[in-house]
């Protein structure tokens, strides 16, 4: 699986030693944990809480406040579908629905079971002349159709 790994207690202690055992270092340590694990595993946050003597509830408060943090595993590839005005008018919502259907995502799920893809809605990529637009990792695809979407998914699978 993609980056799905718990850090050892020693690795977390090493991060604390590197950034300091103080509240002002907490976000940076959490960023490093997420960078290494791909998300913020509950087990890692529990170890962090014990090591720096900050209640787990406070750490979860930070993790849920900042959009950059994920408490669930993130896919190897991030697919963003633009929902800016031009993309919306030209069928961005249809691309979104078809994408979710192809990836078999149900309800609020945003990551495939195999951790290959995570999908997100985005505002504007500044490529309105190519609407509807989709981005996979750092690659932008314009004039999206269902057929084009299927080809792109094959490329990243």
N, C-alpha and C. Protein backbone atom coordinates (compact mmCIF):
# COMPACT_ATOMS: atom_id res chain seq x y z
N UNK A 1 0.83 -1.19 0.00
CA UNK A 1 0.00 0.00 0.00
C UNK A 1 0.87 1.25 0.00
N UNK A 2 0.33 2.30 -0.48
CA UNK A 2 1.04 3.57 -0.65
C UNK A 2 1.25 4.28 0.68
N UNK A 3 2.47 4.43 1.10
CA UNK A 3 2.86 5.22 2.27
C UNK A 3 2.03 4.93 3.51
N UNK A 4 1.50 3.78 3.64
CA UNK A 4 0.70 3.46 4.82
C UNK A 4 1.62 2.81 5.83
N UNK A 5 2.16 3.63 6.73
CA UNK A 5 3.16 3.12 7.66
C UNK A 5 3.07 3.90 8.96
N UNK A 6 3.05 3.17 10.04
CA UNK A 6 3.12 3.82 11.34
C UNK A 6 4.58 4.11 11.64
N UNK A 7 4.82 5.22 12.29
CA UNK A 7 6.18 5.53 12.71
C UNK A 7 6.48 4.78 14.00
N UNK A 8 7.72 4.45 14.23
CA UNK A 8 8.09 3.84 15.50
C UNK A 8 8.15 4.94 16.55
N UNK A 9 8.09 4.53 17.80
CA UNK A 9 8.21 5.50 18.88
C UNK A 9 9.54 6.24 18.79
N UNK A 10 10.58 5.53 18.39
CA UNK A 10 11.90 6.15 18.25
C UNK A 10 11.89 7.24 17.17
N UNK A 11 11.19 6.99 16.07
CA UNK A 11 11.11 7.99 15.00
C UNK A 11 10.38 9.25 15.48
N UNK A 12 9.33 9.06 16.26
CA UNK A 12 8.58 10.21 16.79
C UNK A 12 9.43 10.97 17.79
N UNK A 13 10.13 10.26 18.67
CA UNK A 13 11.03 10.91 19.63
C UNK A 13 12.11 11.69 18.88
N UNK A 14 12.61 11.13 17.81
CA UNK A 14 13.63 11.80 17.00
C UNK A 14 13.09 13.12 16.42
N UNK A 15 11.84 13.12 15.99
CA UNK A 15 11.22 14.35 15.48
C UNK A 15 11.08 15.39 16.59
N UNK A 16 10.70 14.93 17.77
CA UNK A 16 10.56 15.83 18.92
C UNK A 16 11.91 16.43 19.27
N UNK A 17 12.95 15.62 19.25
CA UNK A 17 14.30 16.13 19.53
C UNK A 17 14.74 17.13 18.46
N UNK A 18 14.37 16.87 17.23
CA UNK A 18 14.77 17.75 16.12
C UNK A 18 14.08 19.11 16.20
N UNK A 19 12.77 19.11 16.49
CA UNK A 19 11.99 20.36 16.46
C UNK A 19 11.73 20.96 17.84
N UNK A 20 11.98 20.21 18.89
CA UNK A 20 11.79 20.73 20.23
C UNK A 20 10.53 20.21 20.89
N UNK A 21 10.61 20.03 22.19
CA UNK A 21 9.49 19.51 22.98
C UNK A 21 8.67 20.68 23.52
N UNK A 22 8.04 21.41 22.63
CA UNK A 22 7.21 22.55 23.05
C UNK A 22 5.99 22.66 22.14
N UNK A 23 4.97 23.33 22.63
CA UNK A 23 3.72 23.46 21.88
C UNK A 23 3.94 24.10 20.51
N UNK A 24 4.85 25.04 20.42
CA UNK A 24 5.07 25.74 19.15
C UNK A 24 5.66 24.83 18.08
N UNK A 25 6.17 23.67 18.47
CA UNK A 25 6.74 22.72 17.51
C UNK A 25 5.73 21.67 17.05
N UNK A 26 4.58 21.64 17.68
CA UNK A 26 3.62 20.57 17.45
C UNK A 26 3.19 20.46 15.98
N UNK A 27 2.85 21.57 15.36
CA UNK A 27 2.38 21.53 13.97
C UNK A 27 3.48 21.00 13.06
N UNK A 28 4.69 21.45 13.25
CA UNK A 28 5.81 20.99 12.42
C UNK A 28 6.04 19.48 12.58
N UNK A 29 5.94 19.00 13.81
CA UNK A 29 6.10 17.56 14.05
C UNK A 29 4.96 16.79 13.38
N UNK A 30 3.75 17.30 13.48
CA UNK A 30 2.61 16.65 12.83
C UNK A 30 2.78 16.63 11.31
N UNK A 31 3.31 17.70 10.75
CA UNK A 31 3.57 17.74 9.30
C UNK A 31 4.57 16.65 8.91
N UNK A 32 5.59 16.49 9.73
CA UNK A 32 6.61 15.47 9.44
C UNK A 32 6.04 14.05 9.55
N UNK A 33 5.20 13.83 10.54
CA UNK A 33 4.56 12.51 10.68
C UNK A 33 3.72 12.23 9.44
N UNK A 34 2.94 13.22 9.03
CA UNK A 34 2.09 13.03 7.85
C UNK A 34 2.92 12.82 6.59
N UNK A 35 4.02 13.52 6.48
CA UNK A 35 4.90 13.36 5.32
C UNK A 35 5.44 11.93 5.24
N UNK A 36 5.79 11.37 6.38
CA UNK A 36 6.36 10.02 6.42
C UNK A 36 5.29 8.93 6.30
N UNK A 37 4.13 9.15 6.92
CA UNK A 37 3.09 8.12 6.95
C UNK A 37 2.05 8.27 5.84
N UNK A 38 1.93 9.48 5.30
CA UNK A 38 0.90 9.73 4.29
C UNK A 38 -0.38 10.27 4.89
N UNK A 39 -0.48 10.25 6.21
CA UNK A 39 -1.61 10.80 6.96
C UNK A 39 -1.20 10.81 8.42
N UNK A 40 -2.12 11.15 9.33
CA UNK A 40 -1.80 11.17 10.76
C UNK A 40 -2.47 9.97 11.44
N UNK A 41 -1.76 8.86 11.56
CA UNK A 41 -2.34 7.69 12.22
C UNK A 41 -2.62 7.96 13.70
N UNK A 42 -3.74 7.45 14.18
CA UNK A 42 -4.13 7.64 15.58
C UNK A 42 -3.03 7.15 16.52
N UNK A 43 -2.43 6.03 16.17
CA UNK A 43 -1.38 5.45 17.03
C UNK A 43 -0.19 6.41 17.16
N UNK A 44 0.18 7.04 16.05
CA UNK A 44 1.30 7.98 16.08
C UNK A 44 0.96 9.22 16.90
N UNK A 45 -0.28 9.69 16.77
CA UNK A 45 -0.69 10.86 17.55
C UNK A 45 -0.74 10.54 19.04
N UNK A 46 -1.11 9.31 19.38
CA UNK A 46 -1.11 8.90 20.79
C UNK A 46 0.30 8.91 21.37
N UNK A 47 1.26 8.39 20.60
CA UNK A 47 2.66 8.40 21.05
C UNK A 47 3.14 9.84 21.20
N UNK A 48 2.83 10.68 20.22
CA UNK A 48 3.22 12.09 20.28
C UNK A 48 2.63 12.76 21.52
N UNK A 49 1.37 12.50 21.79
CA UNK A 49 0.69 13.06 22.96
C UNK A 49 1.41 12.68 24.25
N UNK A 50 1.76 11.42 24.38
CA UNK A 50 2.45 10.94 25.58
C UNK A 50 3.85 11.54 25.70
N UNK A 51 4.54 11.64 24.59
CA UNK A 51 5.92 12.11 24.61
C UNK A 51 6.05 13.60 24.92
N UNK A 52 5.09 14.40 24.45
CA UNK A 52 5.21 15.85 24.69
C UNK A 52 4.23 16.35 25.74
N UNK A 53 3.49 15.40 26.33
CA UNK A 53 2.58 15.72 27.42
C UNK A 53 1.53 16.77 27.03
N UNK A 54 0.95 16.58 25.86
CA UNK A 54 -0.17 17.40 25.40
C UNK A 54 -1.33 16.43 25.19
N UNK A 55 -2.51 16.74 25.73
CA UNK A 55 -3.64 15.82 25.59
C UNK A 55 -3.94 15.49 24.13
N UNK A 56 -4.28 14.24 23.89
CA UNK A 56 -4.61 13.80 22.54
C UNK A 56 -5.75 14.63 21.96
N UNK A 57 -6.69 15.04 22.79
CA UNK A 57 -7.81 15.85 22.31
C UNK A 57 -7.33 17.18 21.73
N UNK A 58 -6.30 17.77 22.32
CA UNK A 58 -5.72 19.03 21.79
C UNK A 58 -5.06 18.78 20.43
N UNK A 59 -4.36 17.66 20.32
CA UNK A 59 -3.70 17.32 19.06
C UNK A 59 -4.74 17.07 17.98
N UNK A 60 -5.82 16.37 18.32
CA UNK A 60 -6.90 16.16 17.35
C UNK A 60 -7.56 17.48 16.98
N UNK A 61 -7.66 18.39 17.93
CA UNK A 61 -8.21 19.71 17.64
C UNK A 61 -7.41 20.42 16.57
N UNK A 62 -6.11 20.33 16.66
CA UNK A 62 -5.22 20.94 15.65
C UNK A 62 -5.36 20.20 14.32
N UNK A 63 -5.38 18.88 14.38
CA UNK A 63 -5.45 18.07 13.16
C UNK A 63 -6.75 18.31 12.39
N UNK A 64 -7.83 18.57 13.10
CA UNK A 64 -9.11 18.80 12.42
C UNK A 64 -9.32 20.26 12.06
N UNK A 65 -8.59 21.16 12.68
CA UNK A 65 -8.72 22.59 12.37
C UNK A 65 -8.03 22.94 11.05
N UNK A 66 -6.84 22.41 10.86
CA UNK A 66 -6.05 22.74 9.67
C UNK A 66 -6.34 21.76 8.53
N UNK A 67 -6.71 22.32 7.39
CA UNK A 67 -7.09 21.52 6.23
C UNK A 67 -5.95 20.65 5.70
N UNK A 68 -4.71 21.03 5.97
CA UNK A 68 -3.56 20.27 5.47
C UNK A 68 -3.43 18.88 6.08
N UNK A 69 -4.04 18.68 7.23
CA UNK A 69 -3.88 17.40 7.92
C UNK A 69 -4.99 16.42 7.54
N UNK A 70 -4.60 15.15 7.43
CA UNK A 70 -5.54 14.08 7.12
C UNK A 70 -5.46 13.02 8.20
N UNK A 71 -6.62 12.60 8.66
CA UNK A 71 -6.69 11.54 9.66
C UNK A 71 -6.97 10.18 9.02
N UNK A 72 -7.15 10.19 7.71
CA UNK A 72 -7.35 8.95 6.96
C UNK A 72 -6.25 8.85 5.91
N UNK A 73 -5.91 7.63 5.51
CA UNK A 73 -4.87 7.48 4.47
C UNK A 73 -5.22 8.22 3.20
N UNK A 74 -4.21 8.72 2.54
CA UNK A 74 -4.32 9.50 1.32
C UNK A 74 -3.82 8.64 0.17
N UNK A 75 -4.43 8.76 -0.99
CA UNK A 75 -4.03 7.97 -2.15
C UNK A 75 -2.69 8.37 -2.73
N UNK A 76 -2.11 7.46 -3.49
CA UNK A 76 -0.84 7.72 -4.16
C UNK A 76 -0.97 8.88 -5.14
N UNK A 77 -2.11 8.94 -5.84
CA UNK A 77 -2.36 10.03 -6.79
C UNK A 77 -3.55 10.85 -6.30
N UNK A 78 -3.43 12.16 -6.40
CA UNK A 78 -4.51 13.06 -6.04
C UNK A 78 -5.15 13.57 -7.32
N UNK A 79 -6.45 13.38 -7.43
CA UNK A 79 -7.20 13.87 -8.58
C UNK A 79 -8.10 15.00 -8.10
N UNK A 80 -7.94 16.16 -8.71
CA UNK A 80 -8.77 17.31 -8.37
C UNK A 80 -9.60 17.68 -9.60
N UNK A 81 -10.89 17.86 -9.40
CA UNK A 81 -11.77 18.30 -10.47
C UNK A 81 -12.17 19.73 -10.17
N UNK A 82 -12.00 20.60 -11.16
CA UNK A 82 -12.31 22.02 -10.97
C UNK A 82 -13.82 22.24 -10.91
N UNK A 83 -14.24 23.05 -9.94
CA UNK A 83 -15.63 23.44 -9.80
C UNK A 83 -15.78 24.95 -9.89
N UNK A 84 -14.78 25.61 -10.52
CA UNK A 84 -14.90 27.04 -10.78
C UNK A 84 -16.06 27.28 -11.73
N UNK A 85 -16.43 28.52 -11.93
CA UNK A 85 -17.61 28.85 -12.74
C UNK A 85 -17.56 28.24 -14.13
N UNK A 86 -16.48 28.46 -14.88
CA UNK A 86 -16.40 27.94 -16.25
C UNK A 86 -16.49 26.42 -16.27
N UNK A 87 -15.78 25.77 -15.38
CA UNK A 87 -15.78 24.30 -15.34
C UNK A 87 -17.15 23.77 -14.92
N UNK A 88 -17.78 24.45 -13.99
CA UNK A 88 -19.11 24.04 -13.55
C UNK A 88 -20.10 24.13 -14.71
N UNK A 89 -20.07 25.25 -15.42
CA UNK A 89 -20.98 25.48 -16.54
C UNK A 89 -20.74 24.46 -17.66
N UNK A 90 -19.48 24.06 -17.85
CA UNK A 90 -19.15 23.16 -18.95
C UNK A 90 -19.12 21.68 -18.54
N UNK A 91 -19.67 21.35 -17.38
CA UNK A 91 -19.85 19.95 -17.03
C UNK A 91 -18.89 19.37 -16.01
N UNK A 92 -18.25 20.19 -15.23
CA UNK A 92 -17.35 19.70 -14.19
C UNK A 92 -18.02 18.74 -13.23
N UNK A 93 -19.29 19.02 -12.91
CA UNK A 93 -20.00 18.15 -11.98
C UNK A 93 -20.25 16.76 -12.58
N UNK A 94 -20.46 16.70 -13.90
CA UNK A 94 -20.63 15.40 -14.56
C UNK A 94 -19.32 14.61 -14.55
N UNK A 95 -18.21 15.31 -14.75
CA UNK A 95 -16.89 14.66 -14.68
C UNK A 95 -16.67 14.13 -13.27
N UNK A 96 -17.00 14.94 -12.26
CA UNK A 96 -16.86 14.54 -10.86
C UNK A 96 -17.66 13.27 -10.57
N UNK A 97 -18.94 13.28 -10.96
CA UNK A 97 -19.80 12.12 -10.70
C UNK A 97 -19.28 10.87 -11.41
N UNK A 98 -18.84 11.03 -12.65
CA UNK A 98 -18.33 9.89 -13.41
C UNK A 98 -17.04 9.36 -12.79
N UNK A 99 -16.17 10.26 -12.37
CA UNK A 99 -14.92 9.88 -11.70
C UNK A 99 -15.21 9.05 -10.46
N UNK A 100 -16.10 9.54 -9.62
CA UNK A 100 -16.44 8.83 -8.39
C UNK A 100 -17.06 7.46 -8.69
N UNK A 101 -17.87 7.41 -9.73
CA UNK A 101 -18.47 6.14 -10.15
C UNK A 101 -17.39 5.16 -10.62
N UNK A 102 -16.47 5.63 -11.46
CA UNK A 102 -15.41 4.77 -11.97
C UNK A 102 -14.51 4.25 -10.85
N UNK A 103 -14.28 5.07 -9.84
CA UNK A 103 -13.41 4.67 -8.73
C UNK A 103 -14.18 3.95 -7.62
N UNK A 104 -15.49 3.81 -7.81
CA UNK A 104 -16.37 3.13 -6.84
C UNK A 104 -16.33 3.79 -5.47
N UNK A 105 -16.38 5.11 -5.47
CA UNK A 105 -16.42 5.86 -4.21
C UNK A 105 -17.87 6.12 -3.85
N UNK A 106 -18.22 5.84 -2.60
CA UNK A 106 -19.61 5.96 -2.15
C UNK A 106 -19.69 6.99 -1.04
N UNK A 107 -20.75 7.79 -1.07
CA UNK A 107 -20.98 8.77 -0.01
C UNK A 107 -19.84 9.76 0.13
N UNK A 108 -19.32 9.87 1.34
CA UNK A 108 -18.26 10.85 1.61
C UNK A 108 -16.86 10.29 1.38
N UNK A 109 -16.76 9.04 0.92
CA UNK A 109 -15.43 8.46 0.66
C UNK A 109 -14.69 9.32 -0.35
N UNK A 110 -13.40 9.52 -0.13
CA UNK A 110 -12.60 10.28 -1.09
C UNK A 110 -11.34 9.55 -1.52
N UNK A 111 -11.08 8.38 -0.95
CA UNK A 111 -9.88 7.61 -1.29
C UNK A 111 -10.28 6.18 -1.62
N UNK A 112 -9.70 5.66 -2.70
CA UNK A 112 -10.02 4.29 -3.11
C UNK A 112 -9.46 3.30 -2.10
N UNK A 113 -10.08 2.13 -2.04
CA UNK A 113 -9.67 1.10 -1.08
C UNK A 113 -8.22 0.66 -1.25
N UNK A 114 -7.72 0.70 -2.49
CA UNK A 114 -6.34 0.30 -2.74
C UNK A 114 -5.35 1.44 -2.51
N UNK A 115 -5.84 2.58 -2.06
CA UNK A 115 -5.04 3.78 -1.78
C UNK A 115 -4.30 4.30 -3.02
N UNK A 116 -4.86 4.04 -4.19
CA UNK A 116 -4.24 4.53 -5.42
C UNK A 116 -4.66 5.97 -5.71
N UNK A 117 -5.94 6.30 -5.45
CA UNK A 117 -6.44 7.64 -5.78
C UNK A 117 -7.17 8.28 -4.61
N UNK A 118 -6.98 9.58 -4.45
CA UNK A 118 -7.80 10.42 -3.59
C UNK A 118 -8.38 11.50 -4.48
N UNK A 119 -9.67 11.74 -4.36
CA UNK A 119 -10.33 12.75 -5.19
C UNK A 119 -10.72 13.95 -4.35
N UNK A 120 -10.63 15.12 -4.96
CA UNK A 120 -10.98 16.36 -4.28
C UNK A 120 -11.63 17.32 -5.27
N UNK A 121 -12.52 18.14 -4.76
CA UNK A 121 -13.05 19.25 -5.56
C UNK A 121 -12.08 20.41 -5.40
N UNK A 122 -11.90 21.15 -6.48
CA UNK A 122 -11.00 22.31 -6.45
C UNK A 122 -11.75 23.53 -6.98
N UNK A 123 -11.23 24.70 -6.68
CA UNK A 123 -11.88 25.92 -7.14
C UNK A 123 -11.46 26.30 -8.54
N UNK A 124 -10.30 26.78 -8.79
CA UNK A 124 -9.93 27.21 -10.14
C UNK A 124 -8.44 27.00 -10.35
N UNK A 125 -8.12 26.41 -11.48
CA UNK A 125 -6.71 26.20 -11.84
C UNK A 125 -6.21 27.30 -12.77
N UNK A 126 -7.08 28.23 -13.13
CA UNK A 126 -6.68 29.31 -14.04
C UNK A 126 -6.57 28.84 -15.48
N UNK A 127 -7.27 27.79 -15.81
CA UNK A 127 -7.25 27.24 -17.17
C UNK A 127 -8.67 27.19 -17.73
N UNK A 128 -9.41 28.26 -17.51
CA UNK A 128 -10.83 28.29 -17.84
C UNK A 128 -11.12 28.06 -19.32
N UNK A 129 -10.18 28.42 -20.18
CA UNK A 129 -10.40 28.21 -21.62
C UNK A 129 -10.42 26.73 -21.99
N UNK A 130 -9.94 25.87 -21.07
CA UNK A 130 -9.92 24.42 -21.32
C UNK A 130 -10.98 23.68 -20.50
N UNK A 131 -11.96 24.40 -19.97
CA UNK A 131 -12.97 23.80 -19.10
C UNK A 131 -13.74 22.70 -19.83
N UNK A 132 -14.14 21.66 -19.08
CA UNK A 132 -13.83 21.38 -17.68
C UNK A 132 -12.40 20.83 -17.53
N UNK A 133 -11.81 21.16 -16.39
CA UNK A 133 -10.41 20.86 -16.14
C UNK A 133 -10.28 19.91 -14.94
N UNK A 134 -9.31 19.01 -15.05
CA UNK A 134 -9.01 18.07 -13.98
C UNK A 134 -7.50 18.04 -13.81
N UNK A 135 -7.06 17.85 -12.58
CA UNK A 135 -5.63 17.80 -12.29
C UNK A 135 -5.33 16.47 -11.59
N UNK A 136 -4.31 15.76 -12.08
CA UNK A 136 -3.84 14.54 -11.42
C UNK A 136 -2.41 14.83 -10.97
N UNK A 137 -2.22 14.83 -9.66
CA UNK A 137 -0.94 15.23 -9.08
C UNK A 137 -0.59 16.63 -9.61
N UNK A 138 0.43 16.77 -10.42
CA UNK A 138 0.78 18.09 -10.96
C UNK A 138 0.45 18.25 -12.44
N UNK A 139 -0.25 17.27 -13.01
CA UNK A 139 -0.59 17.31 -14.43
C UNK A 139 -2.02 17.81 -14.63
N UNK A 140 -2.18 18.82 -15.49
CA UNK A 140 -3.50 19.39 -15.75
C UNK A 140 -4.03 18.86 -17.07
N UNK A 141 -5.30 18.47 -17.06
CA UNK A 141 -5.97 17.95 -18.25
C UNK A 141 -7.20 18.81 -18.51
N UNK A 142 -7.33 19.30 -19.73
CA UNK A 142 -8.46 20.15 -20.08
C UNK A 142 -9.40 19.50 -21.05
N UNK A 143 -10.53 20.20 -21.28
CA UNK A 143 -11.57 19.72 -22.19
C UNK A 143 -11.95 18.29 -21.86
N UNK A 144 -12.16 18.06 -20.58
CA UNK A 144 -12.42 16.70 -20.09
C UNK A 144 -13.73 16.14 -20.61
N UNK A 145 -13.66 14.86 -20.95
CA UNK A 145 -14.83 14.07 -21.31
C UNK A 145 -14.75 12.78 -20.52
N UNK A 146 -15.83 12.03 -20.52
CA UNK A 146 -15.81 10.74 -19.82
C UNK A 146 -14.79 9.80 -20.45
N UNK A 147 -14.68 9.83 -21.76
CA UNK A 147 -13.73 8.96 -22.46
C UNK A 147 -12.30 9.34 -22.09
N UNK A 148 -12.03 10.63 -22.08
CA UNK A 148 -10.68 11.11 -21.73
C UNK A 148 -10.34 10.74 -20.28
N UNK A 149 -11.33 10.85 -19.41
CA UNK A 149 -11.13 10.50 -18.00
C UNK A 149 -10.74 9.04 -17.86
N UNK A 150 -11.40 8.16 -18.59
CA UNK A 150 -11.06 6.73 -18.51
C UNK A 150 -9.62 6.47 -18.95
N UNK A 151 -9.18 7.14 -19.99
CA UNK A 151 -7.80 6.98 -20.47
C UNK A 151 -6.79 7.49 -19.43
N UNK A 152 -7.11 8.60 -18.80
CA UNK A 152 -6.22 9.18 -17.79
C UNK A 152 -6.12 8.25 -16.58
N UNK A 153 -7.24 7.68 -16.16
CA UNK A 153 -7.21 6.74 -15.03
C UNK A 153 -6.33 5.54 -15.35
N UNK A 154 -6.39 5.04 -16.57
CA UNK A 154 -5.55 3.91 -16.97
C UNK A 154 -4.07 4.28 -16.88
N UNK A 155 -3.76 5.50 -17.27
CA UNK A 155 -2.37 5.97 -17.26
C UNK A 155 -1.77 5.93 -15.86
N UNK A 156 -2.57 6.25 -14.85
CA UNK A 156 -2.08 6.34 -13.47
C UNK A 156 -2.31 5.06 -12.66
N UNK A 157 -2.99 4.08 -13.26
CA UNK A 157 -3.28 2.84 -12.52
C UNK A 157 -2.12 1.87 -12.55
